[in-house]
Amino acid sequence: EEADKAFRLEHELLMFLAAGSETSAAAIGWGIYLLAREPDLQEALRAQLRGIWRAGDATLADLQRCADFSHFVTEAMRIFPPTPVLLFRGSVRDAAAAFP
């Protein structure tokens, strides 16, 4: 039984690892696709990000402060979500009744 638990845990961990890398790869791939279609946007973002990276000690917070880049990432994720949208989900009961 202990070996069975270890086997299941290993497979669950591998699933999470694969899921995380697949969604990241999909998001990056779609972002690159969108930039390839919009060379002016690509150049504008490149110019802004060069200033951050040339500063030397760039951090994630520095990258997040680049509003145009943040907007691009948000819009790319909206257009091409890396995880499937589950349209068939529904409430099993009325939410208003659950929270009086």
C-alpha atoms as a PDB file:
ATOM      1  CA  GLU A   1       0.000   0.000   0.000  1.00  0.00           C
ATOM      2  CA  GLU A   2       2.855   2.440   0.771  1.00  0.00           C
ATOM      3  CA  ALA A   3       4.371   1.829  -2.674  1.00  0.00           C
ATOM      4  CA  ASP A   4       0.975   2.477  -4.263  1.00  0.00           C
ATOM      5  CA  LYS A   5       0.682   5.838  -2.471  1.00  0.00           C
ATOM      6  CA  ALA A   6       4.184   6.827  -3.597  1.00  0.00           C
ATOM      7  CA  PHE A   7       3.360   5.799  -7.172  1.00  0.00           C
ATOM      8  CA  ARG A   8       0.166   7.901  -7.201  1.00  0.00           C
ATOM      9  CA  LEU A   9       1.930  10.889  -5.645  1.00  0.00           C
ATOM     10  CA  GLU A  10       4.680  10.722  -8.261  1.00  0.00           C
ATOM     11  CA  HIS A  11       2.156  10.707 -11.100  1.00  0.00           C
ATOM     12  CA  GLU A  12       0.163  13.576  -9.590  1.00  0.00           C
ATOM     13  CA  LEU A  13       3.312  15.672  -9.220  1.00  0.00           C
ATOM     14  CA  LEU A  14       4.339  14.950 -12.804  1.00  0.00           C
ATOM     15  CA  MET A  15       0.871  15.950 -13.984  1.00  0.00           C
ATOM     16  CA  PHE A  16       1.124  19.330 -12.210  1.00  0.00           C
ATOM     17  CA  LEU A  17       4.614  19.890 -13.599  1.00  0.00           C
ATOM     18  CA  ALA A  18       3.480  19.128 -17.146  1.00  0.00           C
ATOM     19  CA  ALA A  19       0.318  21.224 -16.788  1.00  0.00           C
ATOM     20  CA  GLY A  20       2.291  24.223 -15.567  1.00  0.00           C
ATOM     21  CA  SER A  21       4.874  24.065 -18.318  1.00  0.00           C
ATOM     22  CA  GLU A  22       2.271  23.476 -21.047  1.00  0.00           C
ATOM     23  CA  THR A  23       0.190  26.474 -20.028  1.00  0.00           C
ATOM     24  CA  SER A  24       3.282  28.681 -19.798  1.00  0.00           C
ATOM     25  CA  ALA A  25       4.497  27.501 -23.194  1.00  0.00           C
ATOM     26  CA  ALA A  26       1.067  28.152 -24.721  1.00  0.00           C
ATOM     27  CA  ALA A  27       0.880  31.675 -23.268  1.00  0.00           C
ATOM     28  CA  ILE A  28       4.384  32.547 -24.463  1.00  0.00           C
ATOM     29  CA  GLY A  29       3.722  31.072 -27.896  1.00  0.00           C
ATOM     30  CA  TRP A  30       0.526  33.079 -28.397  1.00  0.00           C
ATOM     31  CA  GLY A  31       2.238  36.227 -27.136  1.00  0.00           C
ATOM     32  CA  ILE A  32       5.011  35.776 -29.694  1.00  0.00           C
ATOM     33  CA  TYR A  33       2.413  35.162 -32.406  1.00  0.00           C
ATOM     34  CA  LEU A  34       0.583  38.392 -31.549  1.00  0.00           C
ATOM     35  CA  LEU A  35       3.822  40.393 -31.518  1.00  0.00           C
ATOM     36  CA  ALA A  36       4.814  38.948 -34.897  1.00  0.00           C
ATOM     37  CA  ARG A  37       1.513  40.187 -36.321  1.00  0.00           C
ATOM     38  CA  GLU A  38       2.014  43.685 -34.870  1.00  0.00           C
ATOM     39  CA  PRO A  39       5.608  44.806 -35.541  1.00  0.00           C
ATOM     40  CA  ASP A  40       4.947  48.384 -34.366  1.00  0.00           C
ATOM     41  CA  LEU A  41       3.696  47.131 -31.007  1.00  0.00           C
ATOM     42  CA  GLN A  42       6.624  44.730 -30.813  1.00  0.00           C
ATOM     43  CA  GLU A  43       9.100  47.569 -31.349  1.00  0.00           C
ATOM     44  CA  ALA A  44       7.370  49.849 -28.838  1.00  0.00           C
ATOM     45  CA  LEU A  45       7.406  47.155 -26.149  1.00  0.00           C
ATOM     46  CA  ARG A  46      11.013  46.288 -26.960  1.00  0.00           C
ATOM     47  CA  ALA A  47      12.061  49.920 -26.516  1.00  0.00           C
ATOM     48  CA  GLN A  48      10.302  50.167 -23.146  1.00  0.00           C
ATOM     49  CA  LEU A  49      11.670  46.875 -21.862  1.00  0.00           C
ATOM     50  CA  ARG A  50      15.217  47.680 -22.973  1.00  0.00           C
ATOM     51  CA  GLY A  51      15.214  50.545 -20.504  1.00  0.00           C
ATOM     52  CA  ILE A  52      14.312  48.164 -17.695  1.00  0.00           C
ATOM     53  CA  TRP A  53      16.878  45.513 -18.602  1.00  0.00           C
ATOM     54  CA  ARG A  54      19.696  48.012 -19.206  1.00  0.00           C
ATOM     55  CA  ALA A  55      19.287  49.282 -15.664  1.00  0.00           C
ATOM     56  CA  GLY A  56      21.069  46.125 -14.524  1.00  0.00           C
ATOM     57  CA  ASP A  57      19.203  44.693 -11.567  1.00  0.00           C
ATOM     58  CA  ALA A  58      15.757  44.280 -13.142  1.00  0.00           C
ATOM     59  CA  THR A  59      13.123  42.606 -11.005  1.00  0.00           C
ATOM     60  CA  LEU A  60       9.654  41.236 -11.631  1.00  0.00           C
ATOM     61  CA  ALA A  61       8.249  44.362  -9.964  1.00  0.00           C
ATOM     62  CA  ASP A  62      10.124  46.503 -12.511  1.00  0.00           C
ATOM     63  CA  LEU A  63       8.604  44.480 -15.334  1.00  0.00           C
ATOM     64  CA  GLN A  64       5.122  44.758 -13.833  1.00  0.00           C
ATOM     65  CA  ARG A  65       5.448  48.547 -13.666  1.00  0.00           C
ATOM     66  CA  CYS A  66       5.772  48.653 -17.462  1.00  0.00           C
ATOM     67  CA  ALA A  67       2.076  49.365 -18.077  1.00  0.00           C
ATOM     68  CA  ASP A  68       2.096  48.669 -21.821  1.00  0.00           C
ATOM     69  CA  PHE A  69       3.711  45.266 -21.318  1.00  0.00           C
ATOM     70  CA  SER A  70       1.271  44.369 -18.540  1.00  0.00           C
ATOM     71  CA  HIS A  71      -1.640  45.376 -20.759  1.00  0.00           C
ATOM     72  CA  PHE A  72      -0.245  43.281 -23.608  1.00  0.00           C
ATOM     73  CA  VAL A  73       0.114  40.194 -21.418  1.00  0.00           C
ATOM     74  CA  THR A  74      -3.386  40.634 -19.988  1.00  0.00           C
ATOM     75  CA  GLU A  75      -4.918  41.044 -23.442  1.00  0.00           C
ATOM     76  CA  ALA A  76      -2.984  38.092 -24.874  1.00  0.00           C
ATOM     77  CA  MET A  77      -4.228  35.911 -22.024  1.00  0.00           C
ATOM     78  CA  ARG A  78      -7.785  37.138 -22.610  1.00  0.00           C
ATOM     79  CA  ILE A  79      -7.682  36.378 -26.336  1.00  0.00           C
ATOM     80  CA  PHE A  80      -5.862  33.055 -26.000  1.00  0.00           C
ATOM     81  CA  PRO A  81      -6.366  31.641 -22.491  1.00  0.00           C
ATOM     82  CA  PRO A  82      -3.774  28.926 -21.843  1.00  0.00           C
ATOM     83  CA  THR A  83      -6.340  26.733 -20.124  1.00  0.00           C
ATOM     84  CA  PRO A  84      -9.604  25.679 -21.728  1.00  0.00           C
ATOM     85  CA  VAL A  85     -12.738  27.584 -20.817  1.00  0.00           C
ATOM     86  CA  LEU A  86     -15.298  25.341 -19.178  1.00  0.00           C
ATOM     87  CA  LEU A  87     -18.618  26.536 -20.545  1.00  0.00           C
ATOM     88  CA  PHE A  88     -20.615  23.608 -19.227  1.00  0.00           C
ATOM     89  CA  ARG A  89     -20.121  24.475 -15.564  1.00  0.00           C
ATOM     90  CA  GLY A  90     -23.218  25.527 -13.733  1.00  0.00           C
ATOM     91  CA  SER A  91     -24.516  26.122 -10.262  1.00  0.00           C
ATOM     92  CA  VAL A  92     -26.098  23.186  -8.485  1.00  0.00           C
ATOM     93  CA  ARG A  93     -28.330  25.547  -6.495  1.00  0.00           C
ATOM     94  CA  ASP A  94     -29.347  29.177  -6.416  1.00  0.00           C
ATOM     95  CA  ALA A  95     -26.515  31.294  -4.993  1.00  0.00           C
ATOM     96  CA  ALA A  96     -28.955  33.706  -3.353  1.00  0.00           C
ATOM     97  CA  ALA A  97     -30.505  30.825  -1.407  1.00  0.00           C
ATOM     98  CA  ALA A  98     -27.075  29.607  -0.281  1.00  0.00           C
ATOM     99  CA  PHE A  99     -26.147  32.990   1.264  1.00  0.00           C
ATOM    100  CA  PRO A 100     -29.192  34.476   3.022  1.00  0.00           C
END
